[in-house]
C-alpha atoms as a PDB file:
ATOM      1  CA  MET A   1       0.000   0.000   0.000  1.00  0.00           C
ATOM      2  CA  MET A   2       1.437   3.309  -1.105  1.00  0.00           C
ATOM      3  CA  PRO A   3       1.778   5.956   1.615  1.00  0.00           C
ATOM      4  CA  THR A   4      -0.167   9.174   1.279  1.00  0.00           C
ATOM      5  CA  LEU A   5       1.524  12.527   0.748  1.00  0.00           C
ATOM      6  CA  LYS A   6       0.586  13.584   4.268  1.00  0.00           C
ATOM      7  CA  GLU A   7       2.207  10.469   5.733  1.00  0.00           C
ATOM      8  CA  ILE A   8       5.459  11.088   3.839  1.00  0.00           C
ATOM      9  CA  VAL A   9       5.728  14.760   4.761  1.00  0.00           C
ATOM     10  CA  GLU A  10       4.376  14.771   8.314  1.00  0.00           C
ATOM     11  CA  LYS A  11       4.952  11.236   9.665  1.00  0.00           C
ATOM     12  CA  PRO A  12       8.656  10.832  10.540  1.00  0.00           C
ATOM     13  CA  ASP A  13       7.907   7.573  12.369  1.00  0.00           C
ATOM     14  CA  THR A  14       7.193   5.789   9.057  1.00  0.00           C
ATOM     15  CA  VAL A  15       9.801   4.437   6.641  1.00  0.00           C
ATOM     16  CA  HIS A  16       8.942   6.899   3.873  1.00  0.00           C
ATOM     17  CA  GLY A  17       8.567   9.785   6.323  1.00  0.00           C
ATOM     18  CA  ARG A  18      11.957   9.085   7.880  1.00  0.00           C
ATOM     19  CA  ALA A  19      13.577   8.946   4.425  1.00  0.00           C
ATOM     20  CA  PHE A  20      11.961  12.277   3.562  1.00  0.00           C
ATOM     21  CA  ASP A  21      13.214  13.855   6.788  1.00  0.00           C
ATOM     22  CA  ILE A  22      16.770  12.572   6.302  1.00  0.00           C
ATOM     23  CA  ALA A  23      16.842  13.809   2.699  1.00  0.00           C
ATOM     24  CA  ILE A  24      15.736  17.296   3.764  1.00  0.00           C
ATOM     25  CA  GLN A  25      18.303  17.367   6.561  1.00  0.00           C
ATOM     26  CA  ILE A  26      21.069  16.471   4.110  1.00  0.00           C
ATOM     27  CA  LEU A  27      19.952  19.263   1.788  1.00  0.00           C
ATOM     28  CA  ILE A  28      19.901  21.767   4.649  1.00  0.00           C
ATOM     29  CA  VAL A  29      23.468  20.875   5.612  1.00  0.00           C
ATOM     30  CA  LEU A  30      24.509  20.992   1.953  1.00  0.00           C
ATOM     31  CA  SER A  31      23.046  24.479   1.523  1.00  0.00           C
ATOM     32  CA  LEU A  32      24.782  25.722   4.682  1.00  0.00           C
ATOM     33  CA  ILE A  33      28.136  24.318   3.531  1.00  0.00           C
ATOM     34  CA  SER A  34      27.599  25.930   0.140  1.00  0.00           C
ATOM     35  CA  PHE A  35      26.836  29.264   1.772  1.00  0.00           C
ATOM     36  CA  SER A  36      29.997  29.007   3.885  1.00  0.00           C
ATOM     37  CA  ILE A  37      32.181  28.167   0.882  1.00  0.00           C
ATOM     38  CA  GLU A  38      30.835  31.236  -0.948  1.00  0.00           C
ATOM     39  CA  THR A  39      32.413  33.453   1.705  1.00  0.00           C
ATOM     40  CA  LEU A  40      35.936  32.184   0.902  1.00  0.00           C
ATOM     41  CA  PRO A  41      38.135  34.851  -0.743  1.00  0.00           C
ATOM     42  CA  HIS A  42      39.559  34.344  -4.227  1.00  0.00           C
ATOM     43  CA  LEU A  43      37.083  31.611  -5.063  1.00  0.00           C
ATOM     44  CA  PRO A  44      37.427  30.467  -8.714  1.00  0.00           C
ATOM     45  CA  PRO A  45      34.558  31.554 -10.994  1.00  0.00           C
ATOM     46  CA  ARG A  46      33.904  27.925 -11.942  1.00  0.00           C
ATOM     47  CA  MET A  47      33.392  27.036  -8.293  1.00  0.00           C
ATOM     48  CA  ARG A  48      30.990  29.946  -7.862  1.00  0.00           C
ATOM     49  CA  HIS A  49      28.971  28.662 -10.799  1.00  0.00           C
ATOM     50  CA  TRP A  50      28.707  25.210  -9.221  1.00  0.00           C
ATOM     51  CA  LEU A  51      27.699  26.740  -5.903  1.00  0.00           C
ATOM     52  CA  HIS A  52      25.017  28.723  -7.709  1.00  0.00           C
ATOM     53  CA  TYR A  53      23.653  25.500  -9.213  1.00  0.00           C
ATOM     54  CA  VAL A  54      23.644  23.907  -5.751  1.00  0.00           C
ATOM     55  CA  GLU A  55      21.705  26.925  -4.504  1.00  0.00           C
ATOM     56  CA  ILE A  56      19.144  26.618  -7.282  1.00  0.00           C
ATOM     57  CA  PHE A  57      18.704  22.899  -6.608  1.00  0.00           C
ATOM     58  CA  THR A  58      18.341  23.169  -2.833  1.00  0.00           C
ATOM     59  CA  VAL A  59      16.021  26.169  -2.976  1.00  0.00           C
ATOM     60  CA  GLY A  60      13.924  24.354  -5.571  1.00  0.00           C
ATOM     61  CA  ILE A  61      13.509  21.368  -3.242  1.00  0.00           C
ATOM     62  CA  PHE A  62      12.775  23.600  -0.242  1.00  0.00           C
ATOM     63  CA  THR A  63      10.185  25.490  -2.274  1.00  0.00           C
ATOM     64  CA  ILE A  64       8.479  22.244  -3.276  1.00  0.00           C
ATOM     65  CA  GLU A  65       8.569  21.112   0.355  1.00  0.00           C
ATOM     66  CA  TYR A  66       6.979  24.391   1.492  1.00  0.00           C
ATOM     67  CA  LEU A  67       4.214  24.105  -1.118  1.00  0.00           C
ATOM     68  CA  LEU A  68       3.565  20.469  -0.178  1.00  0.00           C
ATOM     69  CA  ARG A  69       3.220  21.370   3.493  1.00  0.00           C
ATOM     70  CA  LEU A  70       0.895  24.202   2.537  1.00  0.00           C
ATOM     71  CA  ILE A  71      -1.248  21.892   0.403  1.00  0.00           C
ATOM     72  CA  ILE A  72      -1.642  19.161   3.041  1.00  0.00           C
ATOM     73  CA  ALA A  73      -2.118  21.575   5.962  1.00  0.00           C
ATOM     74  CA  ASP A  74      -5.566  21.287   7.515  1.00  0.00           C
ATOM     75  CA  ARG A  75      -5.573  25.009   8.294  1.00  0.00           C
ATOM     76  CA  LYS A  76      -3.404  26.725   5.714  1.00  0.00           C
ATOM     77  CA  SER A  77      -3.390  30.145   7.379  1.00  0.00           C
ATOM     78  CA  SER A  78      -2.237  28.572  10.654  1.00  0.00           C
ATOM     79  CA  PHE A  79       0.663  26.879   8.861  1.00  0.00           C
ATOM     80  CA  VAL A  80       1.712  30.039   6.990  1.00  0.00           C
ATOM     81  CA  PHE A  81       1.909  32.105  10.183  1.00  0.00           C
ATOM     82  CA  SER A  82       3.276  29.350  12.427  1.00  0.00           C
ATOM     83  CA  PHE A  83       6.900  29.360  13.573  1.00  0.00           C
ATOM     84  CA  TYR A  84       7.929  26.521  11.253  1.00  0.00           C
ATOM     85  CA  GLY A  85       5.913  27.964   8.384  1.00  0.00           C
ATOM     86  CA  LEU A  86       7.674  31.320   8.676  1.00  0.00           C
ATOM     87  CA  VAL A  87      11.089  29.659   8.990  1.00  0.00           C
ATOM     88  CA  ASP A  88      10.419  27.555   5.887  1.00  0.00           C
ATOM     89  CA  LEU A  89       9.389  30.672   3.972  1.00  0.00           C
ATOM     90  CA  ILE A  90      12.345  32.769   5.129  1.00  0.00           C
ATOM     91  CA  ALA A  91      14.697  29.923   4.201  1.00  0.00           C
ATOM     92  CA  ILE A  92      13.778  30.265   0.515  1.00  0.00           C
ATOM     93  CA  LEU A  93      12.803  33.952   0.367  1.00  0.00           C
ATOM     94  CA  PRO A  94      16.302  35.441  -0.186  1.00  0.00           C
ATOM     95  CA  PHE A  95      16.796  33.419  -3.371  1.00  0.00           C
ATOM     96  CA  PHE A  96      13.787  35.113  -4.938  1.00  0.00           C
ATOM     97  CA  VAL A  97      14.491  38.564  -3.453  1.00  0.00           C
ATOM     98  CA  TRP A  98      18.221  38.981  -4.097  1.00  0.00           C
ATOM     99  CA  PRO A  99      18.763  38.112  -7.824  1.00  0.00           C
ATOM    100  CA  GLY A 100      18.777  41.164 -10.071  1.00  0.00           C
ATOM    101  CA  VAL A 101      19.166  43.613  -7.181  1.00  0.00           C
ATOM    102  CA  ASP A 102      22.430  45.543  -7.384  1.00  0.00           C
ATOM    103  CA  LEU A 103      21.985  47.756  -4.365  1.00  0.00           C
ATOM    104  CA  ARG A 104      24.512  46.671  -1.757  1.00  0.00           C
ATOM    105  CA  SER A 105      22.136  47.333   1.113  1.00  0.00           C
ATOM    106  CA  PHE A 106      19.722  44.736  -0.214  1.00  0.00           C
ATOM    107  CA  ARG A 107      22.408  42.083   0.065  1.00  0.00           C
ATOM    108  CA  ALA A 108      21.604  41.972   3.745  1.00  0.00           C
ATOM    109  CA  PHE A 109      18.598  39.881   2.751  1.00  0.00           C
ATOM    110  CA  ARG A 110      21.056  37.068   2.018  1.00  0.00           C
ATOM    111  CA  LEU A 111      21.550  36.718   5.757  1.00  0.00           C
ATOM    112  CA  LEU A 112      18.049  35.272   5.839  1.00  0.00           C
ATOM    113  CA  ARG A 113      19.511  32.176   4.191  1.00  0.00           C
ATOM    114  CA  LEU A 114      20.946  31.315   7.594  1.00  0.00           C
ATOM    115  CA  PHE A 115      17.393  30.604   8.720  1.00  0.00           C
ATOM    116  CA  ARG A 116      17.787  27.291   6.928  1.00  0.00           C
ATOM    117  CA  ILE A 117      19.693  26.053   9.928  1.00  0.00           C
ATOM    118  CA  LEU A 118      16.466  26.462  11.924  1.00  0.00           C
ATOM    119  CA  LYS A 119      14.798  24.027   9.550  1.00  0.00           C
ATOM    120  CA  LEU A 120      16.859  21.338  11.233  1.00  0.00           C
ATOM    121  CA  VAL A 121      14.714  21.911  14.313  1.00  0.00           C
ATOM    122  CA  ARG A 122      11.710  20.488  12.504  1.00  0.00           C
ATOM    123  CA  TYR A 123      13.421  17.143  11.995  1.00  0.00           C
ATOM    124  CA  ASN A 124      15.394  16.844  15.232  1.00  0.00           C
ATOM    125  CA  ARG A 125      13.780  14.569  17.823  1.00  0.00           C
ATOM    126  CA  ALA A 126      16.017  15.903  20.610  1.00  0.00           C
ATOM    127  CA  VAL A 127      14.938  19.468  19.885  1.00  0.00           C
ATOM    128  CA  ARG A 128      11.290  18.436  19.899  1.00  0.00           C
ATOM    129  CA  LEU A 129      11.864  16.793  23.281  1.00  0.00           C
ATOM    130  CA  PHE A 130      13.477  19.990  24.556  1.00  0.00           C
ATOM    131  CA  HIS A 131      10.486  21.958  23.271  1.00  0.00           C
ATOM    132  CA  ARG A 132       8.209  19.634  25.233  1.00  0.00           C
ATOM    133  CA  ALA A 133      10.282  20.260  28.350  1.00  0.00           C
ATOM    134  CA  LEU A 134      10.004  24.026  27.938  1.00  0.00           C
ATOM    135  CA  LEU A 135       6.229  23.728  27.632  1.00  0.00           C
ATOM    136  CA  ILE A 136       6.096  21.702  30.834  1.00  0.00           C
ATOM    137  CA  ALA A 137       8.278  24.149  32.777  1.00  0.00           C
ATOM    138  CA  ARG A 138       7.120  27.340  31.046  1.00  0.00           C
ATOM    139  CA  GLU A 139       5.519  28.882  34.168  1.00  0.00           C
ATOM    140  CA  GLU A 140       8.625  28.241  36.272  1.00  0.00           C
ATOM    141  CA  VAL A 141      10.898  29.543  33.501  1.00  0.00           C
ATOM    142  CA  ILE A 142       8.825  32.715  33.118  1.00  0.00           C
ATOM    143  CA  LEU A 143       8.914  33.269  36.880  1.00  0.00           C
ATOM    144  CA  PHE A 144      12.669  32.704  36.927  1.00  0.00           C
ATOM    145  CA  LEU A 145      13.221  35.173  34.061  1.00  0.00           C
ATOM    146  CA  ALA A 146      11.141  37.779  35.876  1.00  0.00           C
ATOM    147  CA  VAL A 147      13.128  37.305  39.091  1.00  0.00           C
ATOM    148  CA  ALA A 148      16.408  37.387  37.133  1.00  0.00           C
ATOM    149  CA  ALA A 149      15.380  40.672  35.499  1.00  0.00           C
ATOM    150  CA  ILE A 150      14.582  42.179  38.907  1.00  0.00           C
ATOM    151  CA  LEU A 151      17.918  40.999  40.323  1.00  0.00           C
ATOM    152  CA  LEU A 152      19.719  42.439  37.310  1.00  0.00           C
ATOM    153  CA  TYR A 153      18.121  45.830  37.871  1.00  0.00           C
ATOM    154  CA  LEU A 154      18.764  45.810  41.624  1.00  0.00           C
ATOM    155  CA  ALA A 155      22.404  44.838  41.052  1.00  0.00           C
ATOM    156  CA  SER A 156      22.784  47.686  38.542  1.00  0.00           C
ATOM    157  CA  VAL A 157      21.328  50.198  40.981  1.00  0.00           C
ATOM    158  CA  GLY A 158      23.399  48.886  43.874  1.00  0.00           C
ATOM    159  CA  ILE A 159      26.751  48.991  42.092  1.00  0.00           C
ATOM    160  CA  TYR A 160      25.910  52.473  40.779  1.00  0.00           C
ATOM    161  CA  TYR A 161      25.472  53.855  44.289  1.00  0.00           C
ATOM    162  CA  PHE A 162      28.613  52.117  45.582  1.00  0.00           C
ATOM    163  CA  GLU A 163      30.946  52.981  42.693  1.00  0.00           C
ATOM    164  CA  HIS A 164      29.591  56.103  40.996  1.00  0.00           C
ATOM    165  CA  GLU A 165      31.615  58.583  43.009  1.00  0.00           C
ATOM    166  CA  ALA A 166      34.810  56.497  42.879  1.00  0.00           C
ATOM    167  CA  GLN A 167      34.508  55.664  39.156  1.00  0.00           C
ATOM    168  CA  PRO A 168      32.223  58.249  37.539  1.00  0.00           C
ATOM    169  CA  GLU A 169      33.289  57.311  34.014  1.00  0.00           C
ATOM    170  CA  LYS A 170      32.763  53.542  34.287  1.00  0.00           C
ATOM    171  CA  PHE A 171      29.627  53.743  36.431  1.00  0.00           C
ATOM    172  CA  ALA A 172      28.123  56.927  35.040  1.00  0.00           C
ATOM    173  CA  SER A 173      24.542  55.657  35.354  1.00  0.00           C
ATOM    174  CA  VAL A 174      22.452  52.649  36.253  1.00  0.00           C
ATOM    175  CA  PHE A 175      22.534  51.647  32.591  1.00  0.00           C
ATOM    176  CA  HIS A 176      26.340  51.622  32.653  1.00  0.00           C
ATOM    177  CA  GLY A 177      26.160  49.385  35.704  1.00  0.00           C
ATOM    178  CA  MET A 178      23.989  46.862  33.849  1.00  0.00           C
ATOM    179  CA  TRP A 179      26.960  45.535  31.877  1.00  0.00           C
ATOM    180  CA  TRP A 180      28.758  44.839  35.154  1.00  0.00           C
ATOM    181  CA  ALA A 181      25.575  43.291  36.584  1.00  0.00           C
ATOM    182  CA  VAL A 182      25.151  40.929  33.626  1.00  0.00           C
ATOM    183  CA  ALA A 183      28.803  39.799  33.750  1.00  0.00           C
ATOM    184  CA  THR A 184      28.646  39.309  37.513  1.00  0.00           C
ATOM    185  CA  LEU A 185      25.246  37.607  37.832  1.00  0.00           C
ATOM    186  CA  THR A 186      26.191  35.146  35.099  1.00  0.00           C
ATOM    187  CA  THR A 187      29.541  34.601  36.889  1.00  0.00           C
ATOM    188  CA  VAL A 188      31.412  35.443  33.671  1.00  0.00           C
ATOM    189  CA  GLY A 189      33.388  38.317  35.179  1.00  0.00           C
ATOM    190  CA  TYR A 190      35.126  39.868  32.171  1.00  0.00           C
ATOM    191  CA  GLY A 191      37.150  42.163  34.430  1.00  0.00           C
ATOM    192  CA  ASP A 192      36.839  45.248  32.215  1.00  0.00           C
ATOM    193  CA  ILE A 193      34.683  46.933  34.881  1.00  0.00           C
ATOM    194  CA  TYR A 194      35.138  46.085  38.550  1.00  0.00           C
ATOM    195  CA  PRO A 195      34.521  47.736  41.946  1.00  0.00           C
ATOM    196  CA  ILE A 196      37.319  49.449  43.867  1.00  0.00           C
ATOM    197  CA  THR A 197      35.464  50.548  47.004  1.00  0.00           C
ATOM    198  CA  VAL A 198      34.994  48.319  50.051  1.00  0.00           C
ATOM    199  CA  GLY A 199      31.223  48.571  49.833  1.00  0.00           C
ATOM    200  CA  GLY A 200      31.305  47.782  46.126  1.00  0.00           C
ATOM    201  CA  ARG A 201      33.444  44.689  46.672  1.00  0.00           C
ATOM    202  CA  ILE A 202      31.199  43.383  49.445  1.00  0.00           C
ATOM    203  CA  PHE A 203      28.179  44.021  47.231  1.00  0.00           C
ATOM    204  CA  THR A 204      29.920  42.194  44.373  1.00  0.00           C
ATOM    205  CA  PHE A 205      30.521  39.191  46.627  1.00  0.00           C
ATOM    206  CA  LEU A 206      26.820  39.022  47.452  1.00  0.00           C
ATOM    207  CA  VAL A 207      25.856  39.352  43.789  1.00  0.00           C
ATOM    208  CA  LEU A 208      28.273  36.562  42.863  1.00  0.00           C
ATOM    209  CA  ILE A 209      26.702  34.246  45.444  1.00  0.00           C
ATOM    210  CA  ILE A 210      23.270  35.035  44.041  1.00  0.00           C
ATOM    211  CA  GLY A 211      24.663  34.566  40.539  1.00  0.00           C
ATOM    212  CA  LEU A 212      25.594  30.959  41.304  1.00  0.00           C
ATOM    213  CA  GLY A 213      21.947  30.287  42.025  1.00  0.00           C
ATOM    214  CA  VAL A 214      20.849  32.198  38.925  1.00  0.00           C
ATOM    215  CA  VAL A 215      22.974  29.879  36.786  1.00  0.00           C
ATOM    216  CA  ALA A 216      21.934  26.692  38.604  1.00  0.00           C
ATOM    217  CA  VAL A 217      18.155  27.207  38.799  1.00  0.00           C
ATOM    218  CA  PRO A 218      17.302  27.062  35.065  1.00  0.00           C
ATOM    219  CA  ALA A 219      19.536  24.017  34.603  1.00  0.00           C
ATOM    220  CA  GLY A 220      17.604  22.195  37.315  1.00  0.00           C
ATOM    221  CA  LEU A 221      14.241  23.265  35.909  1.00  0.00           C
ATOM    222  CA  VAL A 222      15.086  22.119  32.400  1.00  0.00           C
ATOM    223  CA  ALA A 223      16.613  18.830  33.589  1.00  0.00           C
ATOM    224  CA  SER A 224      13.492  18.009  35.592  1.00  0.00           C
ATOM    225  CA  ALA A 225      11.226  18.990  32.699  1.00  0.00           C
ATOM    226  CA  LEU A 226      13.268  16.914  30.233  1.00  0.00           C
ATOM    227  CA  SER A 227      12.858  13.874  32.457  1.00  0.00           C
ATOM    228  CA  ARG A 228       9.106  14.470  32.566  1.00  0.00           C
ATOM    229  CA  ALA A 229       8.999  15.007  28.782  1.00  0.00           C
ATOM    230  CA  ARG A 230      10.714  11.650  28.171  1.00  0.00           C
ATOM    231  CA  GLU A 231       8.115   9.918  30.337  1.00  0.00           C
ATOM    232  CA  LEU A 232       5.285  11.618  28.443  1.00  0.00           C
ATOM    233  CA  GLU A 233       6.817  10.646  25.110  1.00  0.00           C
ATOM    234  CA  LYS A 234       7.011   6.995  26.164  1.00  0.00           C
ATOM    235  CA  ASP A 235       3.397   7.056  27.387  1.00  0.00           C
ATOM    236  CA  GLY A 236       2.223   8.962  24.299  1.00  0.00           C
ATOM    237  CA  GLU A 237       0.529  11.595  26.449  1.00  0.00           C
ATOM    238  CA  PRO A 238       0.050  15.071  24.883  1.00  0.00           C
ATOM    239  CA  VAL A 239       2.470  17.498  26.493  1.00  0.00           C
ATOM    240  CA  LEU A 240      -0.056  20.340  26.555  1.00  0.00           C
ATOM    241  CA  ASP A 241      -2.425  18.311  28.730  1.00  0.00           C
ATOM    242  CA  ALA A 242       0.367  17.388  31.124  1.00  0.00           C
ATOM    243  CA  ALA A 243       1.583  20.964  31.366  1.00  0.00           C
ATOM    244  CA  LYS A 244      -1.764  22.289  32.547  1.00  0.00           C
END
């Protein structure tokens, strides 16, 4: 029995669907390698011609893939404006926008070709599992990001008051202190801006201690959610129902 078009395009757990996914992944990698080779200086004209043919071929396949997904979509408008739908469109758009345009500024549209790397997300089981985990832990992650933003602001204000008078050029405002706050809370510590007052150093120590927790909390949340996502995948339970 021949598989339907919908099964080939949207069912990676079937033989034909898996072959389709692998073929698209290979083409994505091929297009990215081709794009990278194009940036090499002093590339022979013959090589550029071959790379152009590779571009035509890969974009042609991606365009057909996009049209097929649009045809088999139950709700076409939802597919067009979905994340994957937009990524698929942006992956092929520069090929149709750039040719024939001589203005240098318009060449920036070629950067959109890098969106093809996001197409790998569609076919990567590990990424889908990670997406499930984020859905499960989305409330905790949002709360953590809100708390992290508050801590970032408080750290910026604190270091400004401690160091402004001693280093008016480096800590000229709260906004200048944000760079220090980001580097300190993330425990990166670039060392380009650092406190010299006693109060500033004590404050930095406290921020560093808090920063260790800021780095550890999301890792724990995601690890726990990934474990839960694996269990849901084995049981076949919809992640949206489990996340409620």
